[in-house]
Amino acid sequence: MENKTRTVRVTVAAFVAVLIFLVFAAFVTTPESVQQSFWSLIPPLIAIILALVTKEVYSSLFIGIVTGSLLYSGFNFEGTMTHIFSDGIVASLADSWNVGILVFLVILGTIVQLMNRTGGSAAFGNWAVRRIQSREGAQLATIALGVLIFIDDYFNCLTVGSVMRPVTDKFKVSRAKLAYLIDATAAPVCIIAPISSWAAAVAGFVEGENGLALFIRTIPYNYYALLTIAMMIMIVLMNINYGPMAEHEYNAVVNGDIYTTPDRPYANAVDDTQGKIGIVADMLVPIFSLIVCCVIGMIYTGGFFTGETFIDAFANSDASIGLVLGSFGGLMITMVYYLIRNSLSFEEMMGCLPDGFKQMVPAILILTLAWTLNGTTASLGAKEFVAGVIQNNAAGFASFLPFIIFLIAVGLSFATGTSWGTFGILIPIVVACFQTTDPQLMIIAMSACMAGSVCGDHCSPISDTTIMSSAGAQCNHINHVSTQMPYAFTCAAVSSVTYIIAGLIRNPMISLAIGLVIMFAVMFIVRMSAGNKIPMEPGNTESGN
């Protein structure tokens, strides 16, 4: 009761502080003065701070949207309402890319429901438990699957979550830890995979060069992505848990509660097998069908079947449409397979459609608000403001440019919740500044753009990848954000040092080796100094850190 009262007080105080700030802003700003200025970054910052303080994401995002609309309209009531709904929420839902992602989410939710109804998820969980003998093994298997599914981060988040959730639950891995493992193998893996929707996006932002060839050259310098993967493995093998994650893991291992907090929106989303006994193939056929069909869907949108090469087709693909086509193909194959196996009747399969939609409602709502907030921020000229700062000052930073670019990309991506939008702003600027004067520094700086964008996106509560990782793990979204942030910031700090070294010596392998040594040293220190003691396995009193 005392904790609830304190939470209410903090929430009220936070909202009052925002109201006071808006009153102040009404007197000192005009619609012209906020354009392309630091004011353009205020709405997402308010949304992020409110979400972290109040632990309530829906109202926080909406207040961020309202703040941006008030600044945009000069605190005019009619203009504010128009900007919130007509230019904001309705416009974001009218965007074909966004609608494609929402359709993909619903189809994926339906497939997960089908797998649950047939008992396929439970069968795979039982099969995996017989072969995976420990919490450590369950977490490493989650990482391995995340690395293997490098086609697209959205597909990665939801697929890895649906496959590994039964396994990690059996070994009492907290949902917050599962969400972190999913999120850390989504964007960080896609940004170093030449055949992925991310590679295609980066290639499209480079003019006058072979974008895909430049992307491949940036991979050895993408230190945040590479160090994140290394950090995950160290965390699992050394049983390191710190920050808010330690409480979640302790509660899961010792008390058997994988959620920890009272608010658990997915707690009732249990496998509804209705007495059906499935087989492992009931899980594997839908998953492999999804993977194959999504690859085909993406290369189809890139022109593979009209003469383009496989790599060029990926570089030119439309990930949103490709994932919709691929997931629909996977759904059709899954339904035919279940009909042949007599696992479900046609009526039962149709019943999974609304259930799959309902399962994705929290993610859809947060995504819609996050997209609207991003559009509101863009209408205030945030991209132009940051671009101007970089373009006017970048050339003077010389060897420290990668480090500076990395930090700016982290901040911009964190504030806007979009990594693609961030490196879409910064990469063209870097290419224009250093394409002819210092090509090698251009590659390092491009990589810093992408790494910083992924880092900010990785820990931002309004990032779509973060949102979908919460949905994939069926974890409270704020729990995921608050537990993941210390881990992401740790890797960001090590990456920052590594980029300073890279800018000075310009050797990717030596810089990476130094970064790995620093990361191991940091993890060792954290392991020795962590105050909590979490058993290696449920029921085991051996301390892991």
Protein backbone atom coordinates (compact mmCIF):
# COMPACT_ATOMS: atom_id res chain seq x y z
CA MET A 1 0.00 0.00 0.00
CA GLU A 2 2.84 2.36 0.86
CA ASN A 3 4.55 1.65 -2.49
CA LYS A 4 1.30 2.32 -4.33
CA THR A 5 0.83 5.65 -2.54
CA ARG A 6 4.41 6.66 -3.33
CA THR A 7 3.90 5.76 -6.99
CA VAL A 8 0.76 7.89 -7.17
CA ARG A 9 2.58 10.84 -5.61
CA VAL A 10 5.51 10.54 -8.02
CA THR A 11 3.14 10.31 -10.97
CA VAL A 12 1.14 13.35 -9.92
CA ALA A 13 4.34 15.33 -9.28
CA ALA A 14 5.69 14.40 -12.71
CA PHE A 15 2.52 15.48 -14.49
CA VAL A 16 2.38 18.74 -12.51
CA ALA A 17 6.00 19.45 -13.48
CA VAL A 18 5.12 18.94 -17.15
CA LEU A 19 2.14 21.27 -16.81
CA ILE A 20 4.30 23.98 -15.23
CA PHE A 21 6.84 23.58 -18.01
CA LEU A 22 4.13 23.94 -20.67
CA VAL A 23 2.89 27.15 -19.05
CA PHE A 24 6.44 28.48 -19.15
CA ALA A 25 6.86 27.41 -22.79
CA ALA A 26 3.62 29.15 -23.76
CA PHE A 27 5.13 32.51 -22.77
CA VAL A 28 8.63 32.09 -24.24
CA THR A 29 8.03 30.29 -27.56
CA THR A 30 6.36 30.92 -30.89
CA PRO A 31 5.68 28.42 -33.70
CA GLU A 32 8.62 29.92 -35.60
CA SER A 33 11.07 29.88 -32.68
CA VAL A 34 10.63 26.18 -31.93
CA GLN A 35 11.31 25.09 -35.50
CA GLN A 36 14.74 23.45 -36.01
CA SER A 37 15.83 24.33 -32.46
CA PHE A 38 16.49 22.44 -29.24
CA TRP A 39 12.74 22.78 -28.50
CA SER A 40 12.10 20.17 -31.18
CA LEU A 41 13.66 17.50 -28.95
CA ILE A 42 11.57 18.41 -25.89
CA PRO A 43 8.45 16.28 -26.69
CA PRO A 44 10.25 12.92 -26.95
CA LEU A 45 12.38 13.75 -23.91
CA ILE A 46 9.24 14.49 -21.87
CA ALA A 47 7.67 11.21 -23.03
CA ILE A 48 10.78 9.21 -22.12
CA ILE A 49 11.25 10.82 -18.70
CA LEU A 50 7.57 10.40 -17.82
CA ALA A 51 7.61 6.75 -18.90
CA LEU A 52 10.65 6.01 -16.74
CA VAL A 53 9.35 7.96 -13.73
CA THR A 54 5.68 6.95 -13.77
CA LYS A 55 6.15 3.43 -15.20
CA GLU A 56 3.16 4.13 -17.47
CA VAL A 57 3.94 4.25 -21.15
CA TYR A 58 0.60 5.03 -22.85
CA SER A 59 -0.11 8.34 -21.10
CA SER A 60 3.58 9.31 -21.28
CA LEU A 61 3.66 8.93 -25.06
CA PHE A 62 0.38 10.79 -25.45
CA ILE A 63 1.57 13.69 -23.30
CA GLY A 64 4.72 13.86 -25.44
CA ILE A 65 2.49 14.11 -28.52
CA VAL A 66 0.36 16.82 -26.89
CA THR A 67 3.49 18.78 -25.91
CA GLY A 68 4.84 18.67 -29.46
CA SER A 69 1.49 19.68 -30.91
CA LEU A 70 1.19 22.63 -28.52
CA LEU A 71 4.64 23.87 -29.49
CA TYR A 72 3.89 23.35 -33.19
CA SER A 73 0.59 25.26 -33.08
CA GLY A 74 1.72 28.03 -30.75
CA PHE A 75 -0.65 26.74 -28.05
CA ASN A 76 -3.67 27.24 -30.30
CA PHE A 77 -6.45 24.81 -29.27
CA GLU A 78 -7.77 24.04 -32.76
CA GLY A 79 -4.30 23.73 -34.23
CA THR A 80 -3.20 21.46 -31.39
CA MET A 81 -6.15 19.08 -31.79
CA THR A 82 -5.64 18.95 -35.54
CA HIS A 83 -1.96 18.19 -35.14
CA ILE A 84 -2.59 15.46 -32.56
CA PHE A 85 -5.25 13.56 -34.46
CA SER A 86 -5.40 14.51 -38.14
CA ASP A 87 -1.69 15.17 -38.70
CA GLY A 88 -0.61 12.74 -36.00
CA ILE A 89 -2.45 9.55 -35.06
CA VAL A 90 -4.55 9.31 -38.23
CA ALA A 91 -1.59 10.14 -40.46
CA SER A 92 0.63 7.54 -38.76
CA LEU A 93 -2.05 4.88 -39.26
CA ALA A 94 -2.53 5.95 -42.87
CA ASP A 95 1.17 5.44 -43.66
CA SER A 96 1.54 2.32 -45.81
CA TRP A 97 4.78 1.25 -44.10
CA ASN A 98 3.22 1.48 -40.65
CA VAL A 99 0.08 -0.36 -41.70
CA GLY A 100 2.22 -3.12 -43.19
CA ILE A 101 4.03 -3.58 -39.89
CA LEU A 102 0.72 -3.70 -37.99
CA VAL A 103 -0.66 -6.33 -40.40
CA PHE A 104 2.56 -8.32 -39.95
CA LEU A 105 2.10 -8.14 -36.17
CA VAL A 106 -1.48 -9.40 -36.35
CA ILE A 107 -0.58 -12.28 -38.67
CA LEU A 108 2.34 -13.25 -36.46
CA GLY A 109 0.09 -13.12 -33.39
CA THR A 110 -2.35 -15.42 -35.19
CA ILE A 111 0.39 -17.91 -36.02
CA VAL A 112 1.53 -17.92 -32.40
CA GLN A 113 -2.06 -18.61 -31.32
CA LEU A 114 -2.30 -21.47 -33.82
CA MET A 115 0.92 -23.00 -32.48
CA ASN A 116 -0.36 -22.68 -28.93
CA ARG A 117 -3.75 -24.21 -29.73
CA THR A 118 -2.21 -27.28 -31.35
CA GLY A 119 0.14 -27.81 -28.42
CA GLY A 120 3.13 -27.16 -30.67
CA SER A 121 4.68 -24.55 -28.38
CA ALA A 122 4.37 -26.87 -25.36
CA ALA A 123 5.75 -29.81 -27.35
CA PHE A 124 8.78 -27.80 -28.45
CA GLY A 125 9.28 -26.59 -24.89
CA ASN A 126 9.26 -30.15 -23.58
CA TRP A 127 11.62 -31.28 -26.36
CA ALA A 128 14.02 -28.41 -25.71
CA VAL A 129 13.98 -28.92 -21.94
CA ARG A 130 15.13 -32.51 -22.40
CA ARG A 131 18.13 -31.24 -24.36
CA ILE A 132 18.78 -27.92 -22.63
CA GLN A 133 19.87 -28.77 -19.13
CA SER A 134 20.26 -25.38 -17.45
CA ARG A 135 19.22 -21.73 -17.30
CA GLU A 136 22.56 -20.95 -18.88
CA GLY A 137 21.75 -23.25 -21.80
CA ALA A 138 18.29 -21.72 -22.24
CA GLN A 139 19.74 -18.22 -22.42
CA LEU A 140 22.53 -19.25 -24.82
CA ALA A 141 19.96 -20.99 -27.04
CA THR A 142 17.93 -17.76 -27.10
CA ILE A 143 21.01 -15.80 -28.15
CA ALA A 144 21.89 -18.36 -30.84
CA LEU A 145 18.38 -18.28 -32.32
CA GLY A 146 18.41 -14.48 -32.28
CA VAL A 147 21.70 -14.43 -34.17
CA LEU A 148 20.40 -16.91 -36.74
CA ILE A 149 17.26 -14.86 -37.49
CA PHE A 150 19.04 -11.84 -38.95
CA ILE A 151 16.60 -11.00 -41.74
CA ASP A 152 14.65 -8.32 -39.90
CA ASP A 153 14.50 -7.07 -36.32
CA TYR A 154 10.68 -7.11 -36.10
CA PHE A 155 10.57 -10.70 -37.31
CA ASN A 156 13.43 -11.56 -34.95
CA CYS A 157 11.75 -10.12 -31.85
CA LEU A 158 8.45 -11.92 -32.21
CA THR A 159 9.77 -15.21 -33.58
CA VAL A 160 12.51 -15.68 -30.96
CA GLY A 161 10.04 -14.74 -28.25
CA SER A 162 7.38 -17.22 -29.31
CA VAL A 163 9.90 -20.06 -29.76
CA MET A 164 12.01 -19.58 -26.62
CA ARG A 165 9.42 -18.34 -24.14
CA PRO A 166 8.27 -21.84 -23.09
CA VAL A 167 11.90 -22.93 -22.63
CA THR A 168 13.05 -19.94 -20.58
CA ASP A 169 9.89 -20.11 -18.47
CA LYS A 170 10.65 -23.71 -17.50
CA PHE A 171 14.12 -22.70 -16.34
CA LYS A 172 12.81 -19.67 -14.42
CA VAL A 173 14.45 -17.03 -16.59
CA SER A 174 12.66 -13.75 -15.87
CA ARG A 175 10.62 -12.20 -18.64
CA ALA A 176 12.75 -9.06 -18.30
CA LYS A 177 15.92 -11.09 -18.99
CA LEU A 178 14.29 -12.81 -21.95
CA ALA A 179 13.22 -9.43 -23.36
CA TYR A 180 16.80 -8.16 -23.05
CA LEU A 181 18.23 -11.20 -24.85
CA ILE A 182 15.66 -10.80 -27.64
CA ASP A 183 16.25 -7.06 -28.01
CA ALA A 184 20.04 -7.42 -27.93
CA THR A 185 19.97 -9.96 -30.77
CA ALA A 186 17.49 -8.03 -32.93
CA ALA A 187 18.83 -4.69 -34.20
CA PRO A 188 22.48 -5.36 -33.16
CA VAL A 189 22.51 -8.52 -35.31
CA CYS A 190 20.59 -7.02 -38.24
CA ILE A 191 22.97 -4.03 -38.44
CA ILE A 192 25.95 -6.34 -39.09
CA ALA A 193 24.14 -8.73 -41.47
CA PRO A 194 24.67 -7.90 -45.16
CA ILE A 195 21.43 -9.71 -46.09
CA SER A 196 18.84 -7.92 -43.97
CA SER A 197 16.28 -5.15 -44.15
CA TRP A 198 18.74 -2.94 -42.25
CA ALA A 199 21.47 -3.38 -44.85
CA ALA A 200 18.92 -2.43 -47.48
CA ALA A 201 17.96 0.71 -45.54
CA VAL A 202 21.56 1.84 -45.06
CA ALA A 203 22.36 1.22 -48.72
CA GLY A 204 19.43 3.44 -49.67
CA PHE A 205 20.79 6.39 -47.68
CA VAL A 206 24.09 6.56 -49.59
CA GLU A 207 24.14 8.48 -52.87
CA GLY A 208 26.88 8.28 -55.46
CA GLU A 209 28.39 5.11 -53.95
CA ASN A 210 27.65 1.38 -53.83
CA GLY A 211 25.67 1.47 -50.61
CA LEU A 212 25.81 -2.27 -49.92
CA ALA A 213 29.58 -2.38 -50.48
CA LEU A 214 30.02 0.49 -48.01
CA PHE A 215 27.75 -1.30 -45.52
CA ILE A 216 29.95 -4.42 -45.65
CA ARG A 217 33.06 -2.30 -45.04
CA THR A 218 31.45 -0.78 -41.91
CA ILE A 219 30.76 -4.15 -40.24
CA PRO A 220 34.20 -4.56 -38.55
CA TYR A 221 33.83 -1.05 -37.08
CA ASN A 222 30.30 -1.56 -35.72
CA TYR A 223 31.54 -1.91 -32.17
CA TYR A 224 28.25 -1.48 -30.31
CA ALA A 225 26.67 -4.40 -32.17
CA LEU A 226 29.72 -6.65 -31.84
CA LEU A 227 30.34 -5.78 -28.19
CA THR A 228 26.65 -6.25 -27.34
CA ILE A 229 26.79 -9.85 -28.57
CA ALA A 230 30.03 -10.44 -26.65
CA MET A 231 28.55 -8.82 -23.54
CA MET A 232 25.46 -11.04 -23.64
CA ILE A 233 27.59 -14.18 -23.76
CA MET A 234 29.74 -12.94 -20.86
CA ILE A 235 26.64 -12.09 -18.81
CA VAL A 236 25.20 -15.58 -19.30
CA LEU A 237 28.43 -17.57 -18.78
CA MET A 238 29.53 -15.49 -15.77
CA ASN A 239 25.98 -15.25 -14.35
CA ILE A 240 26.12 -11.47 -14.07
CA ASN A 241 22.99 -9.57 -13.07
CA TYR A 242 23.05 -5.94 -11.99
CA GLY A 243 20.78 -2.95 -11.83
CA PRO A 244 17.01 -3.59 -11.77
CA MET A 245 17.61 -6.85 -13.67
CA ALA A 246 19.10 -8.40 -10.52
CA GLU A 247 15.78 -8.10 -8.69
CA HIS A 248 13.87 -9.69 -11.58
CA GLU A 249 16.32 -12.59 -11.87
CA TYR A 250 16.44 -13.16 -8.12
CA ASN A 251 12.65 -13.20 -7.95
CA ALA A 252 12.47 -15.66 -10.85
CA VAL A 253 15.10 -18.07 -9.53
CA VAL A 254 14.32 -17.94 -5.81
CA ASN A 255 10.59 -17.20 -5.76
CA GLY A 256 9.56 -18.68 -9.10
CA ASP A 257 7.95 -15.40 -10.25
CA ILE A 258 9.13 -14.55 -13.77
CA TYR A 259 7.21 -11.23 -13.85
CA THR A 260 8.19 -9.62 -10.49
CA THR A 261 5.94 -6.54 -10.73
CA PRO A 262 2.17 -6.52 -10.02
CA ASP A 263 1.46 -5.15 -13.50
CA ARG A 264 1.80 -8.12 -15.85
CA PRO A 265 -0.30 -7.52 -18.97
CA TYR A 266 0.66 -10.85 -20.55
CA ALA A 267 0.27 -13.05 -17.45
CA ASN A 268 -2.99 -14.51 -18.77
CA ALA A 269 -1.62 -15.15 -22.25
CA VAL A 270 -0.96 -18.79 -21.47
CA ASP A 271 -0.92 -21.64 -23.94
CA ASP A 272 -4.54 -22.65 -24.60
CA THR A 273 -4.13 -26.18 -25.95
CA GLN A 274 -7.66 -27.23 -25.00
CA GLY A 275 -6.42 -30.73 -24.25
CA LYS A 276 -4.57 -31.16 -27.55
CA ILE A 277 -1.20 -32.90 -27.57
CA GLY A 278 1.08 -31.46 -30.21
CA ILE A 279 4.39 -32.53 -31.72
CA VAL A 280 7.58 -30.56 -32.27
CA ALA A 281 6.79 -30.22 -35.98
CA ASP A 282 3.68 -28.21 -35.03
CA MET A 283 6.12 -25.50 -33.91
CA LEU A 284 8.89 -25.97 -36.47
CA VAL A 285 6.75 -26.02 -39.63
CA PRO A 286 5.21 -22.58 -38.98
CA ILE A 287 8.56 -21.08 -37.97
CA PHE A 288 10.50 -22.41 -40.97
CA SER A 289 7.61 -21.46 -43.25
CA LEU A 290 7.75 -17.92 -41.88
CA ILE A 291 11.51 -17.66 -42.40
CA VAL A 292 11.44 -18.98 -45.97
CA CYS A 293 8.35 -17.01 -46.97
CA CYS A 294 9.64 -13.75 -45.44
CA VAL A 295 12.92 -14.09 -47.36
CA ILE A 296 10.97 -14.72 -50.57
CA GLY A 297 8.62 -11.82 -49.81
CA MET A 298 11.50 -9.40 -49.27
CA ILE A 299 13.45 -10.35 -52.38
CA TYR A 300 10.21 -10.25 -54.37
CA THR A 301 9.68 -6.60 -53.41
CA GLY A 302 13.29 -5.94 -54.40
CA GLY A 303 12.80 -7.27 -57.93
CA PHE A 304 14.53 -10.67 -57.63
CA PHE A 305 11.97 -12.32 -59.89
CA THR A 306 12.32 -9.62 -62.54
CA GLY A 307 16.07 -9.98 -62.99
CA GLU A 308 17.79 -8.44 -59.95
CA THR A 309 20.49 -10.41 -58.17
CA PHE A 310 19.74 -11.84 -54.71
CA ILE A 311 21.90 -9.25 -52.94
CA ASP A 312 20.56 -6.32 -54.98
CA ALA A 313 17.00 -7.53 -54.38
CA PHE A 314 17.61 -7.41 -50.64
CA ALA A 315 19.19 -3.97 -50.98
CA ASN A 316 16.11 -2.68 -52.84
CA SER A 317 13.49 -4.55 -50.81
CA ASP A 318 10.48 -3.04 -49.06
CA ALA A 319 10.64 -4.74 -45.66
CA SER A 320 7.11 -3.76 -44.66
CA ILE A 321 5.41 -5.26 -47.73
CA GLY A 322 7.85 -8.17 -47.86
CA LEU A 323 7.10 -9.17 -44.26
CA VAL A 324 3.35 -8.93 -44.85
CA LEU A 325 3.55 -11.15 -47.93
CA GLY A 326 5.92 -13.55 -46.22
CA SER A 327 3.93 -13.83 -43.01
CA PHE A 328 0.71 -14.36 -44.97
CA GLY A 329 2.39 -17.13 -46.95
CA GLY A 330 3.62 -18.66 -43.70
CA LEU A 331 0.10 -18.44 -42.26
CA MET A 332 -1.40 -20.23 -45.28
CA ILE A 333 1.18 -23.03 -45.12
CA THR A 334 0.61 -23.38 -41.37
CA MET A 335 -3.15 -23.64 -41.76
CA VAL A 336 -2.92 -26.21 -44.55
CA TYR A 337 -0.44 -28.24 -42.50
CA TYR A 338 -2.71 -28.23 -39.44
CA LEU A 339 -5.71 -29.23 -41.58
CA ILE A 340 -3.78 -32.14 -43.07
CA ARG A 341 -2.68 -33.22 -39.58
CA ASN A 342 -6.21 -32.72 -38.30
CA SER A 343 -4.71 -30.69 -35.46
CA LEU A 344 -7.36 -27.96 -35.65
CA SER A 345 -10.66 -27.52 -37.42
CA PHE A 346 -11.17 -24.63 -39.82
CA GLU A 347 -13.50 -22.97 -37.28
CA GLU A 348 -10.86 -23.26 -34.54
CA MET A 349 -8.24 -21.70 -36.79
CA MET A 350 -10.52 -18.78 -37.63
CA GLY A 351 -11.02 -18.28 -33.90
CA CYS A 352 -7.28 -17.69 -33.58
CA LEU A 353 -7.51 -14.55 -35.77
CA PRO A 354 -9.17 -12.29 -33.15
CA ASP A 355 -7.13 -13.92 -30.38
CA GLY A 356 -3.90 -13.16 -32.27
CA PHE A 357 -5.03 -9.57 -32.74
CA LYS A 358 -5.87 -9.21 -29.03
CA GLN A 359 -2.44 -10.57 -28.10
CA MET A 360 -0.79 -7.79 -30.11
CA VAL A 361 -3.02 -4.92 -28.92
CA PRO A 362 -0.49 -3.57 -26.34
CA ALA A 363 2.31 -3.53 -28.95
CA ILE A 364 0.04 -1.99 -31.60
CA LEU A 365 -1.12 0.77 -29.26
CA ILE A 366 2.41 1.67 -28.15
CA LEU A 367 3.70 1.56 -31.74
CA THR A 368 0.91 3.86 -32.94
CA LEU A 369 1.67 6.41 -30.24
CA ALA A 370 5.44 6.11 -30.80
CA TRP A 371 5.05 6.66 -34.56
CA THR A 372 2.82 9.67 -33.89
CA LEU A 373 5.36 11.14 -31.46
CA ASN A 374 8.11 10.61 -34.03
CA GLY A 375 6.02 12.42 -36.65
CA THR A 376 5.33 15.27 -34.22
CA THR A 377 9.05 15.59 -33.48
CA ALA A 378 9.82 15.63 -37.21
CA SER A 379 7.26 18.40 -37.77
CA LEU A 380 9.23 20.57 -35.33
CA GLY A 381 12.40 20.17 -37.39
CA ALA A 382 14.39 17.95 -35.03
CA LYS A 383 16.20 16.22 -37.88
CA GLU A 384 17.22 19.49 -39.50
CA PHE A 385 18.39 20.88 -36.16
CA VAL A 386 20.68 17.92 -35.46
CA ALA A 387 21.87 17.79 -39.08
CA GLY A 388 22.84 21.45 -38.94
CA VAL A 389 24.82 20.99 -35.74
CA ILE A 390 26.76 18.08 -37.23
CA GLN A 391 27.35 19.57 -40.66
CA ASN A 392 28.65 22.85 -39.27
CA ASN A 393 31.07 21.31 -36.80
CA ALA A 394 31.95 17.77 -37.89
CA ALA A 395 34.97 18.55 -40.00
CA GLY A 396 36.81 20.11 -37.07
CA PHE A 397 36.63 16.97 -34.92
CA ALA A 398 39.05 14.99 -37.14
CA SER A 399 40.08 11.75 -35.43
CA PHE A 400 37.51 12.17 -32.66
CA LEU A 401 34.68 12.35 -35.18
CA PRO A 402 33.60 8.68 -34.76
CA PHE A 403 33.31 9.15 -31.00
CA ILE A 404 31.34 12.41 -31.37
CA ILE A 405 29.09 10.97 -34.09
CA PHE A 406 28.41 7.89 -31.95
CA LEU A 407 27.29 10.00 -28.97
CA ILE A 408 25.09 12.26 -31.12
CA ALA A 409 23.49 9.24 -32.81
CA VAL A 410 22.80 7.68 -29.40
CA GLY A 411 21.09 10.83 -28.15
CA LEU A 412 19.04 11.41 -31.29
CA SER A 413 17.95 7.78 -31.60
CA PHE A 414 17.08 7.61 -27.90
CA ALA A 415 14.99 10.78 -28.12
CA THR A 416 13.16 9.92 -31.35
CA GLY A 417 12.96 6.13 -30.92
CA THR A 418 14.08 5.47 -34.49
CA SER A 419 17.44 4.13 -35.55
CA TRP A 420 16.64 4.18 -39.27
CA GLY A 421 15.63 7.83 -39.06
CA THR A 422 18.82 8.65 -37.17
CA PHE A 423 21.32 7.12 -39.53
CA GLY A 424 19.16 8.39 -42.38
CA ILE A 425 20.00 11.89 -41.12
CA LEU A 426 23.65 11.40 -40.24
CA ILE A 427 25.03 9.04 -42.90
CA PRO A 428 24.45 11.40 -45.87
CA ILE A 429 26.14 14.20 -43.91
CA VAL A 430 29.17 12.05 -43.08
CA VAL A 431 29.47 10.85 -46.68
CA ALA A 432 29.24 14.40 -48.01
CA CYS A 433 31.88 15.69 -45.57
CA PHE A 434 34.50 12.95 -45.96
CA GLN A 435 33.76 11.14 -49.23
CA THR A 436 36.62 12.84 -51.07
CA THR A 437 38.86 14.04 -48.24
CA ASP A 438 39.18 10.96 -45.98
CA PRO A 439 37.38 7.80 -47.22
CA GLN A 440 38.61 5.58 -44.37
CA LEU A 441 37.39 8.03 -41.72
CA MET A 442 34.10 8.15 -43.62
CA ILE A 443 33.69 4.37 -43.17
CA ILE A 444 34.47 4.55 -39.44
CA ALA A 445 32.11 7.50 -38.96
CA MET A 446 29.35 5.75 -40.94
CA SER A 447 29.72 2.75 -38.66
CA ALA A 448 29.58 5.04 -35.62
CA CYS A 449 26.33 6.49 -37.01
CA MET A 450 24.79 3.04 -37.28
CA ALA A 451 26.17 1.82 -33.95
CA GLY A 452 24.95 4.90 -32.10
CA SER A 453 21.56 4.68 -33.77
CA VAL A 454 21.17 1.07 -32.69
CA CYS A 455 22.34 1.90 -29.16
CA GLY A 456 19.84 4.73 -28.68
CA ASP A 457 17.10 2.63 -30.25
CA HIS A 458 18.09 -0.29 -28.01
CA CYS A 459 17.34 1.53 -24.76
CA SER A 460 14.61 3.98 -25.82
CA PRO A 461 11.15 3.21 -24.41
CA ILE A 462 9.53 4.64 -27.54
CA SER A 463 11.53 2.49 -29.98
CA ASP A 464 9.47 0.07 -32.05
CA THR A 465 12.10 -2.66 -31.66
CA THR A 466 12.08 -2.23 -27.88
CA ILE A 467 8.29 -2.36 -27.91
CA MET A 468 8.23 -5.53 -29.98
CA SER A 469 10.87 -7.17 -27.79
CA SER A 470 8.53 -6.61 -24.85
CA ALA A 471 5.70 -8.12 -26.88
CA GLY A 472 7.84 -11.08 -27.99
CA ALA A 473 8.88 -11.85 -24.43
CA GLN A 474 5.38 -10.97 -23.13
CA CYS A 475 7.03 -8.68 -20.61
CA ASN A 476 5.80 -5.44 -19.08
CA HIS A 477 7.27 -2.79 -21.36
CA ILE A 478 8.63 -0.47 -18.66
CA ASN A 479 10.16 -3.48 -16.86
CA HIS A 480 12.02 -4.29 -20.06
CA VAL A 481 13.22 -0.72 -20.55
CA SER A 482 14.36 -0.18 -16.97
CA THR A 483 16.23 -3.50 -16.74
CA GLN A 484 17.86 -3.22 -20.16
CA MET A 485 19.05 0.38 -19.88
CA PRO A 486 22.02 -0.25 -17.52
CA TYR A 487 23.23 -3.05 -19.79
CA ALA A 488 22.91 -0.91 -22.92
CA PHE A 489 24.65 2.05 -21.28
CA THR A 490 27.50 -0.20 -20.14
CA CYS A 491 28.08 -1.37 -23.69
CA ALA A 492 27.70 2.19 -24.98
CA ALA A 493 30.44 3.40 -22.61
CA VAL A 494 32.86 0.70 -23.78
CA SER A 495 31.92 1.37 -27.41
CA SER A 496 32.64 5.09 -26.94
CA VAL A 497 36.17 4.35 -25.78
CA THR A 498 36.63 1.91 -28.65
CA TYR A 499 35.58 4.57 -31.18
CA ILE A 500 38.14 6.99 -29.76
CA ILE A 501 40.79 4.32 -30.29
CA ALA A 502 39.49 3.52 -33.79
CA GLY A 503 39.63 7.17 -34.82
CA LEU A 504 43.25 7.35 -33.71
CA ILE A 505 44.71 4.05 -35.01
CA ARG A 506 42.15 3.26 -37.77
CA ASN A 507 42.61 -0.50 -37.49
CA PRO A 508 39.29 -2.32 -36.95
CA MET A 509 40.67 -5.57 -35.54
CA ILE A 510 43.05 -3.97 -33.03
CA SER A 511 40.33 -1.56 -31.89
CA LEU A 512 37.84 -4.44 -31.52
CA ALA A 513 40.35 -6.52 -29.57
CA ILE A 514 40.95 -3.62 -27.17
CA GLY A 515 37.20 -3.13 -26.84
CA LEU A 516 36.68 -6.81 -26.00
CA VAL A 517 39.40 -6.67 -23.34
CA ILE A 518 37.81 -3.56 -21.81
CA MET A 519 34.38 -5.22 -21.90
CA PHE A 520 35.66 -8.34 -20.16
CA ALA A 521 37.38 -6.21 -17.51
CA VAL A 522 34.18 -4.23 -16.90
CA MET A 523 32.11 -7.43 -16.66
CA PHE A 524 34.63 -8.96 -14.24
CA ILE A 525 34.53 -5.86 -12.01
CA VAL A 526 30.71 -5.84 -12.10
CA ARG A 527 30.64 -9.54 -11.20
CA MET A 528 32.92 -8.98 -8.24
CA SER A 529 31.13 -5.88 -6.97
CA ALA A 530 27.47 -6.84 -7.54
CA GLY A 531 25.64 -6.81 -4.23
CA ASN A 532 22.98 -9.42 -5.00
CA LYS A 533 23.69 -13.15 -5.05
CA ILE A 534 21.60 -15.13 -7.52
CA PRO A 535 21.86 -18.94 -7.69
CA MET A 536 23.01 -20.46 -10.94
CA GLU A 537 19.89 -22.65 -11.05
CA PRO A 538 16.52 -22.71 -9.24
CA GLY A 539 16.99 -24.50 -5.95
CA ASN A 540 20.79 -24.24 -6.16
CA THR A 541 22.47 -22.23 -3.41
CA GLU A 542 25.68 -21.69 -5.35
CA SER A 543 26.29 -18.00 -5.87
CA GLY A 544 26.93 -16.77 -9.36
CA ASN A 545 28.17 -13.28 -8.65
